[in-house]
Amino acid sequence: MLSRRRKVRIETERMALRPPQHSDYRQWSSLRRDSADFLKPWEPTWADDHLSRKGFTNRVYWAQRSIAGGSALPLFLIRRKDDALLGAITIDNIRRGPSQAATCGYWIGQPFARHGYMREALLAVVHYGFSTLDLSRIESACLPENLASRGVLEKCGYKYEGVAQSYLQINGRWRNHVLYANLRGDRRGKSDIG
């Protein structure tokens, strides 16, 4: 379990992954605004106050409470060479007891897509989830046509497990999602998808 006193920071080759801070607001809102057309087809409909300072402040407080309570680990991807905010990744819905499982979601700003940043972040977060959070299973889901997301999941050791009907409301519509899972000590072999 994560403790309130513990500072979470995951280092990768090019990035520092850390919880959102109030001082990130300008970079976050600019990146989300500038990447809106790129992000909206894959995300739930943005609330009217999505890009507002108040909405972001609520996100930061939610992140702090979630980390302190051990229910989620929301992290921003910060490029070390220039402190640029690239996107975010969250281990969420952490379930303890017999399942030791969680879900993982992520997004990346359009200018930073297809440069390997999300693969680097996802590999680090999955390792952290297994080694530090003692998870046994990390699940992710995406729209079937989101080939970039499916590709990054497969490159990070996730295996295809099936389709969930009407899994999430995306861009205002209930949408089916393909389900993937990464298991600690996975011996299932290569994913067989059609």
C-alpha atoms as a PDB file:
ATOM      1  CA  MET A   1       0.000   0.000   0.000  1.00  0.00           C
ATOM      2  CA  LEU A   2       1.186   3.526  -0.723  1.00  0.00           C
ATOM      3  CA  SER A   3       1.678   5.795   2.234  1.00  0.00           C
ATOM      4  CA  ARG A   4       0.870   9.479   2.491  1.00  0.00           C
ATOM      5  CA  ARG A   5       4.477  10.281   3.405  1.00  0.00           C
ATOM      6  CA  ARG A   6       5.963   8.422   0.474  1.00  0.00           C
ATOM      7  CA  LYS A   7       6.856  10.412  -2.625  1.00  0.00           C
ATOM      8  CA  VAL A   8       6.151   8.357  -5.713  1.00  0.00           C
ATOM      9  CA  ARG A   9       8.560   8.934  -8.583  1.00  0.00           C
ATOM     10  CA  ILE A  10       9.432   6.417 -11.282  1.00  0.00           C
ATOM     11  CA  GLU A  11      12.484   7.129 -13.414  1.00  0.00           C
ATOM     12  CA  THR A  12      12.821   5.886 -16.995  1.00  0.00           C
ATOM     13  CA  GLU A  13      15.528   6.508 -19.565  1.00  0.00           C
ATOM     14  CA  ARG A  14      13.978   9.789 -20.780  1.00  0.00           C
ATOM     15  CA  MET A  15      11.271  10.636 -18.245  1.00  0.00           C
ATOM     16  CA  ALA A  16      10.296  11.074 -14.638  1.00  0.00           C
ATOM     17  CA  LEU A  17       6.819   9.746 -13.844  1.00  0.00           C
ATOM     18  CA  ARG A  18       5.295  11.563 -10.888  1.00  0.00           C
ATOM     19  CA  PRO A  19       1.884  12.599  -9.538  1.00  0.00           C
ATOM     20  CA  PRO A  20       0.298  15.785 -10.929  1.00  0.00           C
ATOM     21  CA  GLN A  21       1.051  19.040  -9.127  1.00  0.00           C
ATOM     22  CA  HIS A  22      -0.881  22.317  -9.073  1.00  0.00           C
ATOM     23  CA  SER A  23       2.002  23.958 -10.980  1.00  0.00           C
ATOM     24  CA  ASP A  24       1.357  21.609 -13.946  1.00  0.00           C
ATOM     25  CA  TYR A  25      -1.926  23.290 -14.825  1.00  0.00           C
ATOM     26  CA  ARG A  26      -0.736  25.511 -17.683  1.00  0.00           C
ATOM     27  CA  GLN A  27       1.225  22.775 -19.435  1.00  0.00           C
ATOM     28  CA  TRP A  28      -1.561  20.238 -18.913  1.00  0.00           C
ATOM     29  CA  SER A  29      -4.371  22.486 -20.158  1.00  0.00           C
ATOM     30  CA  SER A  30      -2.326  23.625 -23.195  1.00  0.00           C
ATOM     31  CA  LEU A  31      -1.370  20.071 -24.129  1.00  0.00           C
ATOM     32  CA  ARG A  32      -4.929  18.771 -23.730  1.00  0.00           C
ATOM     33  CA  ARG A  33      -6.393  21.751 -25.649  1.00  0.00           C
ATOM     34  CA  ASP A  34      -3.837  21.473 -28.485  1.00  0.00           C
ATOM     35  CA  SER A  35      -4.329  17.679 -28.679  1.00  0.00           C
ATOM     36  CA  ALA A  36      -8.131  17.694 -28.366  1.00  0.00           C
ATOM     37  CA  ASP A  37      -8.862  16.407 -31.884  1.00  0.00           C
ATOM     38  CA  PHE A  38      -6.270  13.666 -31.389  1.00  0.00           C
ATOM     39  CA  LEU A  39      -7.565  12.592 -27.939  1.00  0.00           C
ATOM     40  CA  LYS A  40     -11.353  12.988 -28.030  1.00  0.00           C
ATOM     41  CA  PRO A  41     -12.137  10.002 -30.314  1.00  0.00           C
ATOM     42  CA  TRP A  42     -10.628   7.671 -27.668  1.00  0.00           C
ATOM     43  CA  GLU A  43     -11.845   9.284 -24.418  1.00  0.00           C
ATOM     44  CA  PRO A  44     -15.055   9.828 -22.474  1.00  0.00           C
ATOM     45  CA  THR A  45     -16.772  13.123 -23.340  1.00  0.00           C
ATOM     46  CA  TRP A  46     -14.955  16.003 -21.675  1.00  0.00           C
ATOM     47  CA  ALA A  47     -16.956  17.850 -19.010  1.00  0.00           C
ATOM     48  CA  ASP A  48     -17.628  21.553 -19.605  1.00  0.00           C
ATOM     49  CA  ASP A  49     -14.964  22.433 -17.019  1.00  0.00           C
ATOM     50  CA  HIS A  50     -12.453  19.838 -18.263  1.00  0.00           C
ATOM     51  CA  LEU A  51      -9.722  22.368 -19.059  1.00  0.00           C
ATOM     52  CA  SER A  52     -10.508  24.770 -16.206  1.00  0.00           C
ATOM     53  CA  ARG A  53      -8.148  25.470 -13.335  1.00  0.00           C
ATOM     54  CA  LYS A  54     -10.837  24.310 -10.882  1.00  0.00           C
ATOM     55  CA  GLY A  55     -11.240  21.022 -12.755  1.00  0.00           C
ATOM     56  CA  PHE A  56      -7.478  20.499 -12.714  1.00  0.00           C
ATOM     57  CA  THR A  57      -7.258  21.364  -9.001  1.00  0.00           C
ATOM     58  CA  ASN A  58      -9.860  18.665  -8.348  1.00  0.00           C
ATOM     59  CA  ARG A  59      -7.701  16.202 -10.336  1.00  0.00           C
ATOM     60  CA  VAL A  60      -4.652  17.010  -8.218  1.00  0.00           C
ATOM     61  CA  TYR A  61      -6.611  16.528  -4.986  1.00  0.00           C
ATOM     62  CA  TRP A  62      -8.093  13.268  -6.302  1.00  0.00           C
ATOM     63  CA  ALA A  63      -4.561  12.060  -7.154  1.00  0.00           C
ATOM     64  CA  GLN A  64      -3.299  12.896  -3.655  1.00  0.00           C
ATOM     65  CA  ARG A  65      -6.234  11.132  -1.960  1.00  0.00           C
ATOM     66  CA  SER A  66      -5.972   8.102  -4.257  1.00  0.00           C
ATOM     67  CA  ILE A  67      -2.255   7.655  -3.638  1.00  0.00           C
ATOM     68  CA  ALA A  68      -2.666   8.109   0.115  1.00  0.00           C
ATOM     69  CA  GLY A  69      -5.551   5.617   0.178  1.00  0.00           C
ATOM     70  CA  GLY A  70      -3.815   3.097  -2.075  1.00  0.00           C
ATOM     71  CA  SER A  71      -6.684   3.015  -4.585  1.00  0.00           C
ATOM     72  CA  ALA A  72      -4.868   4.525  -7.583  1.00  0.00           C
ATOM     73  CA  LEU A  73      -1.513   5.810  -8.804  1.00  0.00           C
ATOM     74  CA  PRO A  74      -1.993   8.714 -11.251  1.00  0.00           C
ATOM     75  CA  LEU A  75       1.267   9.868 -12.842  1.00  0.00           C
ATOM     76  CA  PHE A  76       2.333  12.535 -15.321  1.00  0.00           C
ATOM     77  CA  LEU A  77       5.023  11.792 -17.894  1.00  0.00           C
ATOM     78  CA  ILE A  78       7.670  14.529 -17.580  1.00  0.00           C
ATOM     79  CA  ARG A  79      10.513  14.575 -20.107  1.00  0.00           C
ATOM     80  CA  ARG A  80      13.726  15.146 -18.180  1.00  0.00           C
ATOM     81  CA  LYS A  81      15.649  17.112 -20.807  1.00  0.00           C
ATOM     82  CA  ASP A  82      13.177  20.032 -20.802  1.00  0.00           C
ATOM     83  CA  ASP A  83      10.522  19.262 -18.125  1.00  0.00           C
ATOM     84  CA  ALA A  84       7.846  19.010 -20.843  1.00  0.00           C
ATOM     85  CA  LEU A  85       4.590  17.301 -19.851  1.00  0.00           C
ATOM     86  CA  LEU A  86       4.019  14.536 -22.419  1.00  0.00           C
ATOM     87  CA  GLY A  87       0.901  12.780 -21.124  1.00  0.00           C
ATOM     88  CA  ALA A  88      -0.330  10.708 -18.194  1.00  0.00           C
ATOM     89  CA  ILE A  89      -0.671   7.114 -17.044  1.00  0.00           C
ATOM     90  CA  THR A  90      -2.770   5.820 -14.157  1.00  0.00           C
ATOM     91  CA  ILE A  91      -2.947   2.549 -12.306  1.00  0.00           C
ATOM     92  CA  ASP A  92      -6.523   2.689 -11.020  1.00  0.00           C
ATOM     93  CA  ASN A  93      -9.122   0.503  -9.333  1.00  0.00           C
ATOM     94  CA  ILE A  94      -6.452  -1.225  -7.258  1.00  0.00           C
ATOM     95  CA  ARG A  95      -8.045  -4.334  -5.754  1.00  0.00           C
ATOM     96  CA  ARG A  96      -6.380  -6.112  -2.857  1.00  0.00           C
ATOM     97  CA  GLY A  97      -6.962  -9.506  -1.308  1.00  0.00           C
ATOM     98  CA  PRO A  98      -7.345 -12.535  -3.521  1.00  0.00           C
ATOM     99  CA  SER A  99      -7.182 -10.604  -6.819  1.00  0.00           C
ATOM    100  CA  GLN A 100      -4.228  -8.189  -6.329  1.00  0.00           C
ATOM    101  CA  ALA A 101      -5.304  -6.529  -9.586  1.00  0.00           C
ATOM    102  CA  ALA A 102      -5.701  -3.083 -11.112  1.00  0.00           C
ATOM    103  CA  THR A 103      -6.514  -1.331 -14.360  1.00  0.00           C
ATOM    104  CA  CYS A 104      -4.165   0.934 -16.285  1.00  0.00           C
ATOM    105  CA  GLY A 105      -5.143   3.799 -18.564  1.00  0.00           C
ATOM    106  CA  TYR A 106      -3.050   6.391 -20.355  1.00  0.00           C
ATOM    107  CA  TRP A 107      -2.977   9.245 -22.850  1.00  0.00           C
ATOM    108  CA  ILE A 108      -0.236  11.120 -24.674  1.00  0.00           C
ATOM    109  CA  GLY A 109      -0.267  14.550 -26.282  1.00  0.00           C
ATOM    110  CA  GLN A 110      -0.300  14.550 -30.065  1.00  0.00           C
ATOM    111  CA  PRO A 111       3.185  16.101 -30.522  1.00  0.00           C
ATOM    112  CA  PHE A 112       4.707  13.265 -28.468  1.00  0.00           C
ATOM    113  CA  ALA A 113       2.851  10.305 -29.981  1.00  0.00           C
ATOM    114  CA  ARG A 114       4.815   7.632 -31.823  1.00  0.00           C
ATOM    115  CA  HIS A 115       8.150   8.466 -30.194  1.00  0.00           C
ATOM    116  CA  GLY A 116       8.158   5.496 -27.800  1.00  0.00           C
ATOM    117  CA  TYR A 117       7.333   7.539 -24.697  1.00  0.00           C
ATOM    118  CA  MET A 118       4.194   5.628 -23.777  1.00  0.00           C
ATOM    119  CA  ARG A 119       5.900   2.274 -24.262  1.00  0.00           C
ATOM    120  CA  GLU A 120       8.711   3.423 -21.974  1.00  0.00           C
ATOM    121  CA  ALA A 121       6.220   4.685 -19.375  1.00  0.00           C
ATOM    122  CA  LEU A 122       3.981   1.620 -19.530  1.00  0.00           C
ATOM    123  CA  LEU A 123       6.900  -0.786 -19.097  1.00  0.00           C
ATOM    124  CA  ALA A 124       8.076   1.174 -16.039  1.00  0.00           C
ATOM    125  CA  VAL A 125       4.609   1.404 -14.496  1.00  0.00           C
ATOM    126  CA  VAL A 126       3.871  -2.283 -15.033  1.00  0.00           C
ATOM    127  CA  HIS A 127       7.201  -3.172 -13.400  1.00  0.00           C
ATOM    128  CA  TYR A 128       6.377  -0.844 -10.480  1.00  0.00           C
ATOM    129  CA  GLY A 129       2.900  -2.365 -10.200  1.00  0.00           C
ATOM    130  CA  PHE A 130       4.293  -5.886  -9.935  1.00  0.00           C
ATOM    131  CA  SER A 131       7.424  -5.211  -7.873  1.00  0.00           C
ATOM    132  CA  THR A 132       6.381  -2.377  -5.542  1.00  0.00           C
ATOM    133  CA  LEU A 133       2.570  -2.536  -5.402  1.00  0.00           C
ATOM    134  CA  ASP A 134       2.614  -6.367  -5.361  1.00  0.00           C
ATOM    135  CA  LEU A 135      -0.048  -6.633  -8.065  1.00  0.00           C
ATOM    136  CA  SER A 136      -0.593  -9.922  -9.853  1.00  0.00           C
ATOM    137  CA  ARG A 137      -2.663  -8.621 -12.789  1.00  0.00           C
ATOM    138  CA  ILE A 138      -2.840  -5.271 -14.606  1.00  0.00           C
ATOM    139  CA  GLU A 139      -5.684  -4.853 -17.080  1.00  0.00           C
ATOM    140  CA  SER A 140      -6.096  -2.338 -19.900  1.00  0.00           C
ATOM    141  CA  ALA A 141      -8.786  -1.811 -22.522  1.00  0.00           C
ATOM    142  CA  CYS A 142      -9.049   0.208 -25.700  1.00  0.00           C
ATOM    143  CA  LEU A 143     -11.296   0.621 -28.710  1.00  0.00           C
ATOM    144  CA  PRO A 144     -10.791  -2.158 -31.272  1.00  0.00           C
ATOM    145  CA  GLU A 145      -9.755   0.340 -33.966  1.00  0.00           C
ATOM    146  CA  ASN A 146      -7.146   2.032 -31.762  1.00  0.00           C
ATOM    147  CA  LEU A 147      -4.233   0.194 -33.356  1.00  0.00           C
ATOM    148  CA  ALA A 148      -1.611   2.434 -31.716  1.00  0.00           C
ATOM    149  CA  SER A 149      -2.896   1.596 -28.232  1.00  0.00           C
ATOM    150  CA  ARG A 150      -3.214  -2.096 -29.036  1.00  0.00           C
ATOM    151  CA  GLY A 151       0.331  -2.091 -30.373  1.00  0.00           C
ATOM    152  CA  VAL A 152       1.834  -0.469 -27.295  1.00  0.00           C
ATOM    153  CA  LEU A 153       0.010  -2.900 -25.008  1.00  0.00           C
ATOM    154  CA  GLU A 154       1.264  -5.903 -26.960  1.00  0.00           C
ATOM    155  CA  LYS A 155       4.840  -4.533 -27.031  1.00  0.00           C
ATOM    156  CA  CYS A 156       4.662  -4.202 -23.240  1.00  0.00           C
ATOM    157  CA  GLY A 157       3.724  -7.828 -22.609  1.00  0.00           C
ATOM    158  CA  TYR A 158      -0.058  -7.518 -22.463  1.00  0.00           C
ATOM    159  CA  LYS A 159      -2.093 -10.360 -23.900  1.00  0.00           C
ATOM    160  CA  TYR A 160      -5.441 -10.033 -25.668  1.00  0.00           C
ATOM    161  CA  GLU A 161      -8.266 -11.565 -23.627  1.00  0.00           C
ATOM    162  CA  GLY A 162     -11.455 -10.702 -25.488  1.00  0.00           C
ATOM    163  CA  VAL A 163     -14.095  -8.063 -26.093  1.00  0.00           C
ATOM    164  CA  ALA A 164     -16.239  -6.291 -23.500  1.00  0.00           C
ATOM    165  CA  GLN A 165     -19.565  -5.148 -24.950  1.00  0.00           C
ATOM    166  CA  SER A 166     -20.596  -1.537 -24.208  1.00  0.00           C
ATOM    167  CA  TYR A 167     -17.609  -1.247 -21.844  1.00  0.00           C
ATOM    168  CA  LEU A 168     -17.274   2.562 -21.637  1.00  0.00           C
ATOM    169  CA  GLN A 169     -18.912   5.679 -22.977  1.00  0.00           C
ATOM    170  CA  ILE A 170     -16.403   7.135 -25.401  1.00  0.00           C
ATOM    171  CA  ASN A 171     -17.049  10.444 -27.104  1.00  0.00           C
ATOM    172  CA  GLY A 172     -20.702  10.217 -26.012  1.00  0.00           C
ATOM    173  CA  ARG A 173     -21.452   6.619 -27.138  1.00  0.00           C
ATOM    174  CA  TRP A 174     -21.310   3.247 -25.394  1.00  0.00           C
ATOM    175  CA  ARG A 175     -18.474   1.399 -27.117  1.00  0.00           C
ATOM    176  CA  ASN A 176     -17.109  -2.123 -27.137  1.00  0.00           C
ATOM    177  CA  HIS A 177     -13.486  -2.441 -25.996  1.00  0.00           C
ATOM    178  CA  VAL A 178     -10.813  -5.054 -26.516  1.00  0.00           C
ATOM    179  CA  LEU A 179      -9.455  -6.287 -23.195  1.00  0.00           C
ATOM    180  CA  TYR A 180      -5.798  -6.940 -22.463  1.00  0.00           C
ATOM    181  CA  ALA A 181      -4.018  -8.097 -19.317  1.00  0.00           C
ATOM    182  CA  ASN A 182      -0.429  -8.254 -18.144  1.00  0.00           C
ATOM    183  CA  LEU A 183       0.257 -10.924 -15.537  1.00  0.00           C
ATOM    184  CA  ARG A 184       3.202 -11.128 -13.183  1.00  0.00           C
ATOM    185  CA  GLY A 185       5.155 -14.180 -14.274  1.00  0.00           C
ATOM    186  CA  ASP A 186       3.012 -14.607 -17.415  1.00  0.00           C
ATOM    187  CA  ARG A 187       3.670 -17.861 -19.254  1.00  0.00           C
ATOM    188  CA  ARG A 188       0.822 -17.668 -21.751  1.00  0.00           C
ATOM    189  CA  GLY A 189       3.011 -17.016 -24.801  1.00  0.00           C
ATOM    190  CA  LYS A 190       2.276 -14.670 -27.696  1.00  0.00           C
ATOM    191  CA  SER A 191      -1.173 -13.119 -27.953  1.00  0.00           C
ATOM    192  CA  ASP A 192      -3.392 -14.702 -30.611  1.00  0.00           C
ATOM    193  CA  ILE A 193      -5.660 -12.007 -32.005  1.00  0.00           C
ATOM    194  CA  GLY A 194      -7.525 -11.883 -35.257  1.00  0.00           C
END
